[in-house]
Amino acid sequence: MKTAKATYNVPRGDSKVVEMGGMTFFDGQEVELNSDEHGHLMSKLPNNQHFTFVAGEDLPDAKPKRGRPSNAEKAAADAGKAAEAQATAAAPAAAVLPTVQPVL
C-alpha cells in the first residue's frame, strides 16, 4: 500500500473547499491518502495544478495472502510453535491453590 499527502491550494476567486473522489479538501490543509482507499485520487492529483502532492512510503499490504501457505511458510510456523513449546516447558508451572469457601 502506498501513502501520500495532498494539499489543496485554492485558485484566486474560487471556493475554499473542494470535494473530489469522495474526499473533502480545505484550502491549505494536508490530507493523508492511501492507495487502497484512494487509488484514483493518487493517480490524478500529482498532475493537478491546484494540489501539492507528496508521495509517502510504501507500507506492506495488510491483506492476507490467498491460497495455501508455501512450504517455507509452513516450516517457519512449525519452528515458531516448537520454540514456543520449549519456552513453555522451561517455564516453572504456577501453583494452583484450592479456593476455600467460608461456612456461614
PDB file of N, CA and C in Angstrom:
ATOM      1  N   MET A   1       0.850  -1.164   0.000  1.00  0.00           N
ATOM      2  CA  MET A   1       0.000   0.000   0.000  1.00  0.00           C
ATOM      3  C   MET A   1       0.899   1.230   0.000  1.00  0.00           C
ATOM      4  N   LYS A   2       0.598   2.149  -0.870  1.00  0.00           N
ATOM      5  CA  LYS A   2       1.337   3.402  -0.951  1.00  0.00           C
ATOM      6  C   LYS A   2       0.570   4.482  -0.205  1.00  0.00           C
ATOM      7  N   THR A   3       1.307   5.418   0.377  1.00  0.00           N
ATOM      8  CA  THR A   3       0.691   6.541   1.074  1.00  0.00           C
ATOM      9  C   THR A   3       1.148   7.843   0.433  1.00  0.00           C
ATOM     10  N   ALA A   4       0.373   8.884   0.644  1.00  0.00           N
ATOM     11  CA  ALA A   4       0.713  10.208   0.114  1.00  0.00           C
ATOM     12  C   ALA A   4      -0.023  11.269   0.909  1.00  0.00           C
ATOM     13  N   LYS A   5       0.416  12.505   0.739  1.00  0.00           N
ATOM     14  CA  LYS A   5      -0.246  13.647   1.359  1.00  0.00           C
ATOM     15  C   LYS A   5      -0.546  14.660   0.268  1.00  0.00           C
ATOM     16  N   ALA A   6      -1.768  15.176   0.281  1.00  0.00           N
ATOM     17  CA  ALA A   6      -2.191  16.148  -0.720  1.00  0.00           C
ATOM     18  C   ALA A   6      -2.717  17.396  -0.011  1.00  0.00           C
ATOM     19  N   THR A   7      -2.362  18.548  -0.553  1.00  0.00           N
ATOM     20  CA  THR A   7      -2.813  19.827  -0.016  1.00  0.00           C
ATOM     21  C   THR A   7      -3.471  20.616  -1.138  1.00  0.00           C
ATOM     22  N   TYR A   8      -4.671  21.101  -0.879  1.00  0.00           N
ATOM     23  CA  TYR A   8      -5.402  21.895  -1.869  1.00  0.00           C
ATOM     24  C   TYR A   8      -4.961  23.349  -1.774  1.00  0.00           C
ATOM     25  N   ASN A   9      -4.582  23.932  -2.916  1.00  0.00           N
ATOM     26  CA  ASN A   9      -4.194  25.339  -2.998  1.00  0.00           C
ATOM     27  C   ASN A   9      -5.254  26.052  -3.825  1.00  0.00           C
ATOM     28  N   VAL A  10      -6.089  26.835  -3.143  1.00  0.00           N
ATOM     29  CA  VAL A  10      -7.244  27.451  -3.799  1.00  0.00           C
ATOM     30  C   VAL A  10      -6.808  28.480  -4.842  1.00  0.00           C
ATOM     31  N   PRO A  11      -7.381  28.397  -6.050  1.00  0.00           N
ATOM     32  CA  PRO A  11      -7.093  29.442  -7.037  1.00  0.00           C
ATOM     33  C   PRO A  11      -7.846  30.729  -6.674  1.00  0.00           C
ATOM     34  N   ARG A  12      -7.359  31.833  -7.148  1.00  0.00           N
ATOM     35  CA  ARG A  12      -7.954  33.136  -6.820  1.00  0.00           C
ATOM     36  C   ARG A  12      -9.409  33.191  -7.288  1.00  0.00           C
ATOM     37  N   GLY A  13     -10.289  33.553  -6.352  1.00  0.00           N
ATOM     38  CA  GLY A  13     -11.702  33.720  -6.666  1.00  0.00           C
ATOM     39  C   GLY A  13     -12.507  32.431  -6.660  1.00  0.00           C
ATOM     40  N   ASP A  14     -11.925  31.341  -6.223  1.00  0.00           N
ATOM     41  CA  ASP A  14     -12.622  30.058  -6.204  1.00  0.00           C
ATOM     42  C   ASP A  14     -12.992  29.694  -4.769  1.00  0.00           C
ATOM     43  N   SER A  15     -13.763  28.629  -4.620  1.00  0.00           N
ATOM     44  CA  SER A  15     -14.202  28.169  -3.308  1.00  0.00           C
ATOM     45  C   SER A  15     -13.021  27.638  -2.494  1.00  0.00           C
ATOM     46  N   LYS A  16     -13.084  27.835  -1.190  1.00  0.00           N
ATOM     47  CA  LYS A  16     -12.014  27.361  -0.318  1.00  0.00           C
ATOM     48  C   LYS A  16     -12.163  25.888   0.037  1.00  0.00           C
ATOM     49  N   VAL A  17     -13.220  25.255  -0.441  1.00  0.00           N
ATOM     50  CA  VAL A  17     -13.468  23.836  -0.189  1.00  0.00           C
ATOM     51  C   VAL A  17     -13.773  23.167  -1.517  1.00  0.00           C
ATOM     52  N   VAL A  18     -13.166  22.004  -1.737  1.00  0.00           N
ATOM     53  CA  VAL A  18     -13.452  21.244  -2.951  1.00  0.00           C
ATOM     54  C   VAL A  18     -13.625  19.779  -2.559  1.00  0.00           C
ATOM     55  N   GLU A  19     -14.566  19.118  -3.224  1.00  0.00           N
ATOM     56  CA  GLU A  19     -14.786  17.696  -2.980  1.00  0.00           C
ATOM     57  C   GLU A  19     -14.428  16.952  -4.251  1.00  0.00           C
ATOM     58  N   MET A  20     -13.599  15.937  -4.100  1.00  0.00           N
ATOM     59  CA  MET A  20     -13.142  15.173  -5.248  1.00  0.00           C
ATOM     60  C   MET A  20     -12.981  13.716  -4.847  1.00  0.00           C
ATOM     61  N   GLY A  21     -13.616  12.836  -5.581  1.00  0.00           N
ATOM     62  CA  GLY A  21     -13.462  11.406  -5.334  1.00  0.00           C
ATOM     63  C   GLY A  21     -13.890  10.973  -3.943  1.00  0.00           C
ATOM     64  N   GLY A  22     -14.895  11.629  -3.386  1.00  0.00           N
ATOM     65  CA  GLY A  22     -15.376  11.263  -2.058  1.00  0.00           C
ATOM     66  C   GLY A  22     -14.583  11.875  -0.917  1.00  0.00           C
ATOM     67  N   MET A  23     -13.587  12.671  -1.215  1.00  0.00           N
ATOM     68  CA  MET A  23     -12.781  13.334  -0.186  1.00  0.00           C
ATOM     69  C   MET A  23     -13.063  14.830  -0.227  1.00  0.00           C
ATOM     70  N   THR A  24     -13.048  15.475   0.932  1.00  0.00           N
ATOM     71  CA  THR A  24     -13.232  16.914   1.017  1.00  0.00           C
ATOM     72  C   THR A  24     -11.887  17.539   1.343  1.00  0.00           C
ATOM     73  N   PHE A  25     -11.480  18.493   0.533  1.00  0.00           N
ATOM     74  CA  PHE A  25     -10.210  19.185   0.713  1.00  0.00           C
ATOM     75  C   PHE A  25     -10.486  20.643   1.067  1.00  0.00           C
ATOM     76  N   PHE A  26      -9.829  21.109   2.118  1.00  0.00           N
ATOM     77  CA  PHE A  26      -9.925  22.513   2.537  1.00  0.00           C
ATOM     78  C   PHE A  26      -8.636  23.218   2.155  1.00  0.00           C
ATOM     79  N   ASP A  27      -8.730  24.495   1.871  1.00  0.00           N
ATOM     80  CA  ASP A  27      -7.575  25.278   1.438  1.00  0.00           C
ATOM     81  C   ASP A  27      -6.440  25.201   2.450  1.00  0.00           C
ATOM     82  N   GLY A  28      -5.278  24.737   2.006  1.00  0.00           N
ATOM     83  CA  GLY A  28      -4.080  24.704   2.835  1.00  0.00           C
ATOM     84  C   GLY A  28      -3.990  23.573   3.833  1.00  0.00           C
ATOM     85  N   GLN A  29      -5.001  22.720   3.939  1.00  0.00           N
ATOM     86  CA  GLN A  29      -4.951  21.615   4.898  1.00  0.00           C
ATOM     87  C   GLN A  29      -4.493  20.337   4.213  1.00  0.00           C
ATOM     88  N   GLU A  30      -3.547  19.680   4.837  1.00  0.00           N
ATOM     89  CA  GLU A  30      -2.975  18.450   4.301  1.00  0.00           C
ATOM     90  C   GLU A  30      -3.900  17.272   4.597  1.00  0.00           C
ATOM     91  N   VAL A  31      -4.101  16.417   3.601  1.00  0.00           N
ATOM     92  CA  VAL A  31      -4.947  15.236   3.742  1.00  0.00           C
ATOM     93  C   VAL A  31      -4.117  14.010   3.408  1.00  0.00           C
ATOM     94  N   GLU A  32      -4.193  12.992   4.259  1.00  0.00           N
ATOM     95  CA  GLU A  32      -3.450  11.756   4.001  1.00  0.00           C
ATOM     96  C   GLU A  32      -4.285  10.822   3.146  1.00  0.00           C
ATOM     97  N   LEU A  33      -3.641  10.218   2.153  1.00  0.00           N
ATOM     98  CA  LEU A  33      -4.287   9.293   1.231  1.00  0.00           C
ATOM     99  C   LEU A  33      -3.527   7.976   1.239  1.00  0.00           C
ATOM    100  N   ASN A  34      -4.237   6.896   0.902  1.00  0.00           N
ATOM    101  CA  ASN A  34      -3.564   5.615   0.703  1.00  0.00           C
ATOM    102  C   ASN A  34      -4.123   4.954  -0.549  1.00  0.00           C
ATOM    103  N   SER A  35      -3.316   4.092  -1.145  1.00  0.00           N
ATOM    104  CA  SER A  35      -3.687   3.507  -2.433  1.00  0.00           C
ATOM    105  C   SER A  35      -4.845   2.524  -2.327  1.00  0.00           C
ATOM    106  N   ASP A  36      -5.096   1.968  -1.152  1.00  0.00           N
ATOM    107  CA  ASP A  36      -6.206   1.028  -1.000  1.00  0.00           C
ATOM    108  C   ASP A  36      -7.556   1.736  -1.115  1.00  0.00           C
ATOM    109  N   GLU A  37      -7.677   2.887  -0.504  1.00  0.00           N
ATOM    110  CA  GLU A  37      -8.949   3.593  -0.478  1.00  0.00           C
ATOM    111  C   GLU A  37      -9.043   4.718  -1.500  1.00  0.00           C
ATOM    112  N   HIS A  38      -7.917   5.299  -1.881  1.00  0.00           N
ATOM    113  CA  HIS A  38      -7.932   6.487  -2.738  1.00  0.00           C
ATOM    114  C   HIS A  38      -7.007   6.334  -3.939  1.00  0.00           C
ATOM    115  N   GLY A  39      -6.967   5.167  -4.533  1.00  0.00           N
ATOM    116  CA  GLY A  39      -6.083   4.926  -5.674  1.00  0.00           C
ATOM    117  C   GLY A  39      -6.349   5.850  -6.843  1.00  0.00           C
ATOM    118  N   HIS A  40      -7.628   6.120  -7.115  1.00  0.00           N
ATOM    119  CA  HIS A  40      -7.986   7.002  -8.230  1.00  0.00           C
ATOM    120  C   HIS A  40      -7.491   8.431  -8.002  1.00  0.00           C
ATOM    121  N   LEU A  41      -7.546   8.902  -6.745  1.00  0.00           N
ATOM    122  CA  LEU A  41      -7.057  10.248  -6.456  1.00  0.00           C
ATOM    123  C   LEU A  41      -5.538  10.316  -6.538  1.00  0.00           C
ATOM    124  N   MET A  42      -4.886   9.246  -6.113  1.00  0.00           N
ATOM    125  CA  MET A  42      -3.423   9.242  -6.136  1.00  0.00           C
ATOM    126  C   MET A  42      -2.882   9.251  -7.561  1.00  0.00           C
ATOM    127  N   SER A  43      -3.687   8.831  -8.518  1.00  0.00           N
ATOM    128  CA  SER A  43      -3.236   8.887  -9.906  1.00  0.00           C
ATOM    129  C   SER A  43      -3.561  10.244 -10.541  1.00  0.00           C
ATOM    130  N   LYS A  44      -4.573  10.952 -10.050  1.00  0.00           N
ATOM    131  CA  LYS A  44      -4.986  12.230 -10.638  1.00  0.00           C
ATOM    132  C   LYS A  44      -4.280  13.445 -10.026  1.00  0.00           C
ATOM    133  N   LEU A  45      -4.124  13.454  -8.702  1.00  0.00           N
ATOM    134  CA  LEU A  45      -3.658  14.661  -8.024  1.00  0.00           C
ATOM    135  C   LEU A  45      -2.237  15.099  -8.356  1.00  0.00           C
ATOM    136  N   PRO A  46      -1.291  14.196  -8.647  1.00  0.00           N
ATOM    137  CA  PRO A  46       0.055  14.694  -8.980  1.00  0.00           C
ATOM    138  C   PRO A  46       0.070  15.609 -10.213  1.00  0.00           C
ATOM    139  N   ASN A  47      -0.887  15.443 -11.117  1.00  0.00           N
ATOM    140  CA  ASN A  47      -0.933  16.252 -12.329  1.00  0.00           C
ATOM    141  C   ASN A  47      -1.867  17.455 -12.213  1.00  0.00           C
ATOM    142  N   ASN A  48      -2.506  17.651 -11.067  1.00  0.00           N
ATOM    143  CA  ASN A  48      -3.445  18.750 -10.878  1.00  0.00           C
ATOM    144  C   ASN A  48      -2.698  19.968 -10.364  1.00  0.00           C
ATOM    145  N   GLN A  49      -2.846  21.092 -11.052  1.00  0.00           N
ATOM    146  CA  GLN A  49      -2.107  22.302 -10.697  1.00  0.00           C
ATOM    147  C   GLN A  49      -2.558  22.933  -9.384  1.00  0.00           C
ATOM    148  N   HIS A  50      -3.726  22.568  -8.885  1.00  0.00           N
ATOM    149  CA  HIS A  50      -4.247  23.166  -7.660  1.00  0.00           C
ATOM    150  C   HIS A  50      -3.945  22.335  -6.416  1.00  0.00           C
ATOM    151  N   PHE A  51      -3.179  21.276  -6.562  1.00  0.00           N
ATOM    152  CA  PHE A  51      -2.829  20.421  -5.437  1.00  0.00           C
ATOM    153  C   PHE A  51      -1.323  20.278  -5.331  1.00  0.00           C
ATOM    154  N   THR A  52      -0.839  20.255  -4.097  1.00  0.00           N
ATOM    155  CA  THR A  52       0.537  19.895  -3.811  1.00  0.00           C
ATOM    156  C   THR A  52       0.494  18.444  -3.363  1.00  0.00           C
ATOM    157  N   PHE A  53       1.176  17.587  -4.077  1.00  0.00           N
ATOM    158  CA  PHE A  53       1.112  16.145  -3.835  1.00  0.00           C
ATOM    159  C   PHE A  53       2.500  15.654  -3.437  1.00  0.00           C
ATOM    160  N   VAL A  54       2.585  14.991  -2.274  1.00  0.00           N
ATOM    161  CA  VAL A  54       3.854  14.445  -1.793  1.00  0.00           C
ATOM    162  C   VAL A  54       3.651  12.956  -1.556  1.00  0.00           C
ATOM    163  N   ALA A  55       4.361  12.151  -2.335  1.00  0.00           N
ATOM    164  CA  ALA A  55       4.259  10.696  -2.182  1.00  0.00           C
ATOM    165  C   ALA A  55       4.972  10.273  -0.907  1.00  0.00           C
ATOM    166  N   GLY A  56       4.363   9.329  -0.194  1.00  0.00           N
ATOM    167  CA  GLY A  56       4.936   8.828   1.046  1.00  0.00           C
ATOM    168  C   GLY A  56       5.623   7.496   0.825  1.00  0.00           C
ATOM    169  N   GLU A  57       5.795   6.778   1.899  1.00  0.00           N
ATOM    170  CA  GLU A  57       6.481   5.490   1.831  1.00  0.00           C
ATOM    171  C   GLU A  57       5.507   4.371   1.495  1.00  0.00           C
ATOM    172  N   ASP A  58       6.051   3.286   0.994  1.00  0.00           N
ATOM    173  CA  ASP A  58       5.258   2.104   0.694  1.00  0.00           C
ATOM    174  C   ASP A  58       5.148   1.261   1.957  1.00  0.00           C
ATOM    175  N   LEU A  59       3.935   0.955   2.334  1.00  0.00           N
ATOM    176  CA  LEU A  59       3.696   0.116   3.505  1.00  0.00           C
ATOM    177  C   LEU A  59       3.370  -1.297   3.048  1.00  0.00           C
ATOM    178  N   PRO A  60       3.689  -2.292   3.849  1.00  0.00           N
ATOM    179  CA  PRO A  60       3.335  -3.659   3.456  1.00  0.00           C
ATOM    180  C   PRO A  60       1.823  -3.826   3.401  1.00  0.00           C
ATOM    181  N   ASP A  61       1.379  -4.685   2.507  1.00  0.00           N
ATOM    182  CA  ASP A  61      -0.051  -4.921   2.360  1.00  0.00           C
ATOM    183  C   ASP A  61      -0.617  -5.571   3.614  1.00  0.00           C
ATOM    184  N   ALA A  62      -1.769  -5.093   4.031  1.00  0.00           N
ATOM    185  CA  ALA A  62      -2.426  -5.642   5.215  1.00  0.00           C
ATOM    186  C   ALA A  62      -3.344  -6.802   4.845  1.00  0.00           C
ATOM    187  N   LYS A  63      -3.565  -6.980   3.547  1.00  0.00           N
ATOM    188  CA  LYS A  63      -4.455  -8.045   3.114  1.00  0.00           C
ATOM    189  C   LYS A  63      -3.759  -9.398   3.246  1.00  0.00           C
ATOM    190  N   PRO A  64      -4.456 -10.399   3.765  1.00  0.00           N
ATOM    191  CA  PRO A  64      -3.841 -11.724   3.854  1.00  0.00           C
ATOM    192  C   PRO A  64      -3.688 -12.343   2.471  1.00  0.00           C
ATOM    193  N   LYS A  65      -2.673 -13.172   2.345  1.00  0.00           N
ATOM    194  CA  LYS A  65      -2.472 -13.859   1.074  1.00  0.00           C
ATOM    195  C   LYS A  65      -3.569 -14.885   0.885  1.00  0.00           C
ATOM    196  N   ARG A  66      -3.928 -15.113  -0.350  1.00  0.00           N
ATOM    197  CA  ARG A  66      -4.934 -16.116  -0.658  1.00  0.00           C
ATOM    198  C   ARG A  66      -4.234 -17.413  -1.030  1.00  0.00           C
ATOM    199  N   GLY A  67      -4.910 -18.515  -0.805  1.00  0.00           N
ATOM    200  CA  GLY A  67      -4.366 -19.812  -1.188  1.00  0.00           C
ATOM    201  C   GLY A  67      -3.632 -20.490  -0.050  1.00  0.00           C
ATOM    202  N   ARG A  68      -3.030 -21.594  -0.381  1.00  0.00           N
ATOM    203  CA  ARG A  68      -2.307 -22.372   0.617  1.00  0.00           C
ATOM    204  C   ARG A  68      -0.973 -21.728   0.945  1.00  0.00           C
ATOM    205  N   PRO A  69      -0.509 -21.926   2.191  1.00  0.00           N
ATOM    206  CA  PRO A  69       0.814 -21.406   2.536  1.00  0.00           C
ATOM    207  C   PRO A  69       1.902 -22.229   1.843  1.00  0.00           C
ATOM    208  N   SER A  70       3.027 -21.577   1.544  1.00  0.00           N
ATOM    209  CA  SER A  70       4.135 -22.270   0.905  1.00  0.00           C
ATOM    210  C   SER A  70       4.841 -23.155   1.929  1.00  0.00           C
ATOM    211  N   ASN A  71       5.717 -24.026   1.444  1.00  0.00           N
ATOM    212  CA  ASN A  71       6.467 -24.901   2.343  1.00  0.00           C
ATOM    213  C   ASN A  71       7.351 -24.095   3.279  1.00  0.00           C
ATOM    214  N   ALA A  72       7.913 -22.988   2.803  1.00  0.00           N
ATOM    215  CA  ALA A  72       8.747 -22.135   3.649  1.00  0.00           C
ATOM    216  C   ALA A  72       7.915 -21.511   4.775  1.00  0.00           C
ATOM    217  N   GLU A  73       6.704 -21.085   4.461  1.00  0.00           N
ATOM    218  CA  GLU A  73       5.835 -20.500   5.486  1.00  0.00           C
ATOM    219  C   GLU A  73       5.428 -21.548   6.510  1.00  0.00           C
ATOM    220  N   LYS A  74       5.152 -22.778   6.041  1.00  0.00           N
ATOM    221  CA  LYS A  74       4.808 -23.872   6.963  1.00  0.00           C
ATOM    222  C   LYS A  74       5.974 -24.174   7.892  1.00  0.00           C
ATOM    223  N   ALA A  75       7.203 -24.228   7.353  1.00  0.00           N
ATOM    224  CA  ALA A  75       8.386 -24.524   8.163  1.00  0.00           C
ATOM    225  C   ALA A  75       8.608 -23.432   9.201  1.00  0.00           C
ATOM    226  N   ALA A  76       8.411 -22.175   8.817  1.00  0.00           N
ATOM    227  CA  ALA A  76       8.589 -21.071   9.762  1.00  0.00           C
ATOM    228  C   ALA A  76       7.544 -21.138  10.873  1.00  0.00           C
ATOM    229  N   ALA A  77       6.309 -21.482  10.538  1.00  0.00           N
ATOM    230  CA  ALA A  77       5.256 -21.603  11.548  1.00  0.00           C
ATOM    231  C   ALA A  77       5.554 -22.760  12.497  1.00  0.00           C
ATOM    232  N   ASP A  78       6.023 -23.884  11.953  1.00  0.00           N
ATOM    233  CA  ASP A  78       6.366 -25.033  12.798  1.00  0.00           C
ATOM    234  C   ASP A  78       7.530 -24.708  13.731  1.00  0.00           C
ATOM    235  N   ALA A  79       8.521 -23.977  13.228  1.00  0.00           N
ATOM    236  CA  ALA A  79       9.659 -23.586  14.052  1.00  0.00           C
ATOM    237  C   ALA A  79       9.204 -22.659  15.180  1.00  0.00           C
ATOM    238  N   GLY A  80       8.286 -21.764  14.877  1.00  0.00           N
ATOM    239  CA  GLY A  80       7.769 -20.858  15.908  1.00  0.00           C
ATOM    240  C   GLY A  80       6.997 -21.602  16.979  1.00  0.00           C
ATOM    241  N   LYS A  81       6.215 -22.603  16.552  1.00  0.00           N
ATOM    242  CA  LYS A  81       5.467 -23.411  17.524  1.00  0.00           C
ATOM    243  C   LYS A  81       6.406 -24.217  18.394  1.00  0.00           C
ATOM    244  N   ALA A  82       7.477 -24.765  17.809  1.00  0.00           N
ATOM    245  CA  ALA A  82       8.447 -25.555  18.566  1.00  0.00           C
ATOM    246  C   ALA A  82       9.153 -24.677  19.597  1.00  0.00           C
ATOM    247  N   ALA A  83       9.542 -23.478  19.210  1.00  0.00           N
ATOM    248  CA  ALA A  83      10.206 -22.564  20.139  1.00  0.00           C
ATOM    249  C   ALA A  83       9.265 -22.167  21.270  1.00  0.00           C
ATOM    250  N   GLU A  84       8.007 -21.965  20.950  1.00  0.00           N
ATOM    251  CA  GLU A  84       7.016 -21.616  21.979  1.00  0.00           C
ATOM    252  C   GLU A  84       6.815 -22.776  22.947  1.00  0.00           C
ATOM    253  N   ALA A  85       6.789 -23.999  22.430  1.00  0.00           N
ATOM    254  CA  ALA A  85       6.624 -25.178  23.281  1.00  0.00           C
ATOM    255  C   ALA A  85       7.821 -25.342  24.217  1.00  0.00           C
ATOM    256  N   GLN A  86       9.028 -25.083  23.723  1.00  0.00           N
ATOM    257  CA  GLN A  86      10.220 -25.176  24.564  1.00  0.00           C
ATOM    258  C   GLN A  86      10.194 -24.119  25.656  1.00  0.00           C
ATOM    259  N   ALA A  87       9.773 -22.929  25.333  1.00  0.00           N
ATOM    260  CA  ALA A  87       9.708 -21.860  26.322  1.00  0.00           C
ATOM    261  C   ALA A  87       8.668 -22.175  27.388  1.00  0.00           C
ATOM    262  N   THR A  88       7.565 -22.775  26.983  1.00  0.00           N
ATOM    263  CA  THR A  88       6.520 -23.141  27.933  1.00  0.00           C
ATOM    264  C   THR A  88       7.000 -24.261  28.848  1.00  0.00           C
ATOM    265  N   ALA A  89       7.708 -25.230  28.291  1.00  0.00           N
ATOM    266  CA  ALA A  89       8.206 -26.353  29.077  1.00  0.00           C
ATOM    267  C   ALA A  89       9.277 -25.892  30.056  1.00  0.00           C
ATOM    268  N   ALA A  90      10.089 -24.922  29.692  1.00  0.00           N
ATOM    269  CA  ALA A  90      11.169 -24.448  30.549  1.00  0.00           C
ATOM    270  C   ALA A  90      10.655 -23.540  31.669  1.00  0.00           C
ATOM    271  N   ALA A  91       9.513 -22.919  31.480  1.00  0.00           N
ATOM    272  CA  ALA A  91       8.970 -22.007  32.485  1.00  0.00           C
ATOM    273  C   ALA A  91       8.397 -22.808  33.646  1.00  0.00           C
ATOM    274  N   PRO A  92       8.634 -22.357  34.882  1.00  0.00           N
ATOM    275  CA  PRO A  92       8.065 -23.080  36.026  1.00  0.00           C
ATOM    276  C   PRO A  92       6.544 -22.975  36.029  1.00  0.00           C
ATOM    277  N   ALA A  93       5.923 -24.064  36.389  1.00  0.00           N
ATOM    278  CA  ALA A  93       4.462 -24.097  36.423  1.00  0.00           C
ATOM    279  C   ALA A  93       3.965 -23.298  37.622  1.00  0.00           C
ATOM    280  N   ALA A  94       2.905 -22.607  37.457  1.00  0.00           N
ATOM    281  CA  ALA A  94       2.306 -21.835  38.539  1.00  0.00           C
ATOM    282  C   ALA A  94       1.519 -22.787  39.441  1.00  0.00           C
ATOM    283  N   ALA A  95       1.653 -22.605  40.723  1.00  0.00           N
ATOM    284  CA  ALA A  95       0.937 -23.447  41.675  1.00  0.00           C
ATOM    285  C   ALA A  95      -0.517 -23.007  41.743  1.00  0.00           C
ATOM    286  N   VAL A  96      -1.420 -23.969  41.663  1.00  0.00           N
ATOM    287  CA  VAL A  96      -2.839 -23.683  41.747  1.00  0.00           C
ATOM    288  C   VAL A  96      -3.301 -24.076  43.129  1.00  0.00           C
ATOM    289  N   LEU A  97      -3.764 -23.101  43.883  1.00  0.00           N
ATOM    290  CA  LEU A  97      -4.228 -23.344  45.239  1.00  0.00           C
ATOM    291  C   LEU A  97      -5.745 -23.485  45.233  1.00  0.00           C
ATOM    292  N   PRO A  98      -6.252 -24.407  46.046  1.00  0.00           N
ATOM    293  CA  PRO A  98      -7.718 -24.544  46.089  1.00  0.00           C
ATOM    294  C   PRO A  98      -8.337 -23.333  46.778  1.00  0.00           C
ATOM    295  N   THR A  99      -9.504 -22.996  46.356  1.00  0.00           N
ATOM    296  CA  THR A  99     -10.198 -21.880  46.971  1.00  0.00           C
ATOM    297  C   THR A  99     -11.009 -22.405  48.151  1.00  0.00           C
ATOM    298  N   VAL A 100     -11.062 -21.624  49.192  1.00  0.00           N
ATOM    299  CA  VAL A 100     -11.784 -22.026  50.396  1.00  0.00           C
ATOM    300  C   VAL A 100     -13.004 -21.147  50.521  1.00  0.00           C
ATOM    301  N   GLN A 101     -14.160 -21.787  50.643  1.00  0.00           N
ATOM    302  CA  GLN A 101     -15.398 -21.067  50.792  1.00  0.00           C
ATOM    303  C   GLN A 101     -15.712 -20.924  52.286  1.00  0.00           C
ATOM    304  N   PRO A 102     -16.058 -19.744  52.748  1.00  0.00           N
ATOM    305  CA  PRO A 102     -16.407 -19.590  54.165  1.00  0.00           C
ATOM    306  C   PRO A 102     -17.739 -20.288  54.470  1.00  0.00           C
ATOM    307  N   VAL A 103     -17.792 -20.880  55.642  1.00  0.00           N
ATOM    308  CA  VAL A 103     -19.021 -21.544  56.069  1.00  0.00           C
ATOM    309  C   VAL A 103     -19.836 -20.528  56.868  1.00  0.00           C
ATOM    310  N   LEU A 104     -21.084 -20.389  56.489  1.00  0.00           N
ATOM    311  CA  LEU A 104     -21.941 -19.423  57.174  1.00  0.00           C
ATOM    312  C   LEU A 104     -22.868 -20.088  58.123  1.00  0.00           C
TER     313      LEU A 104
END
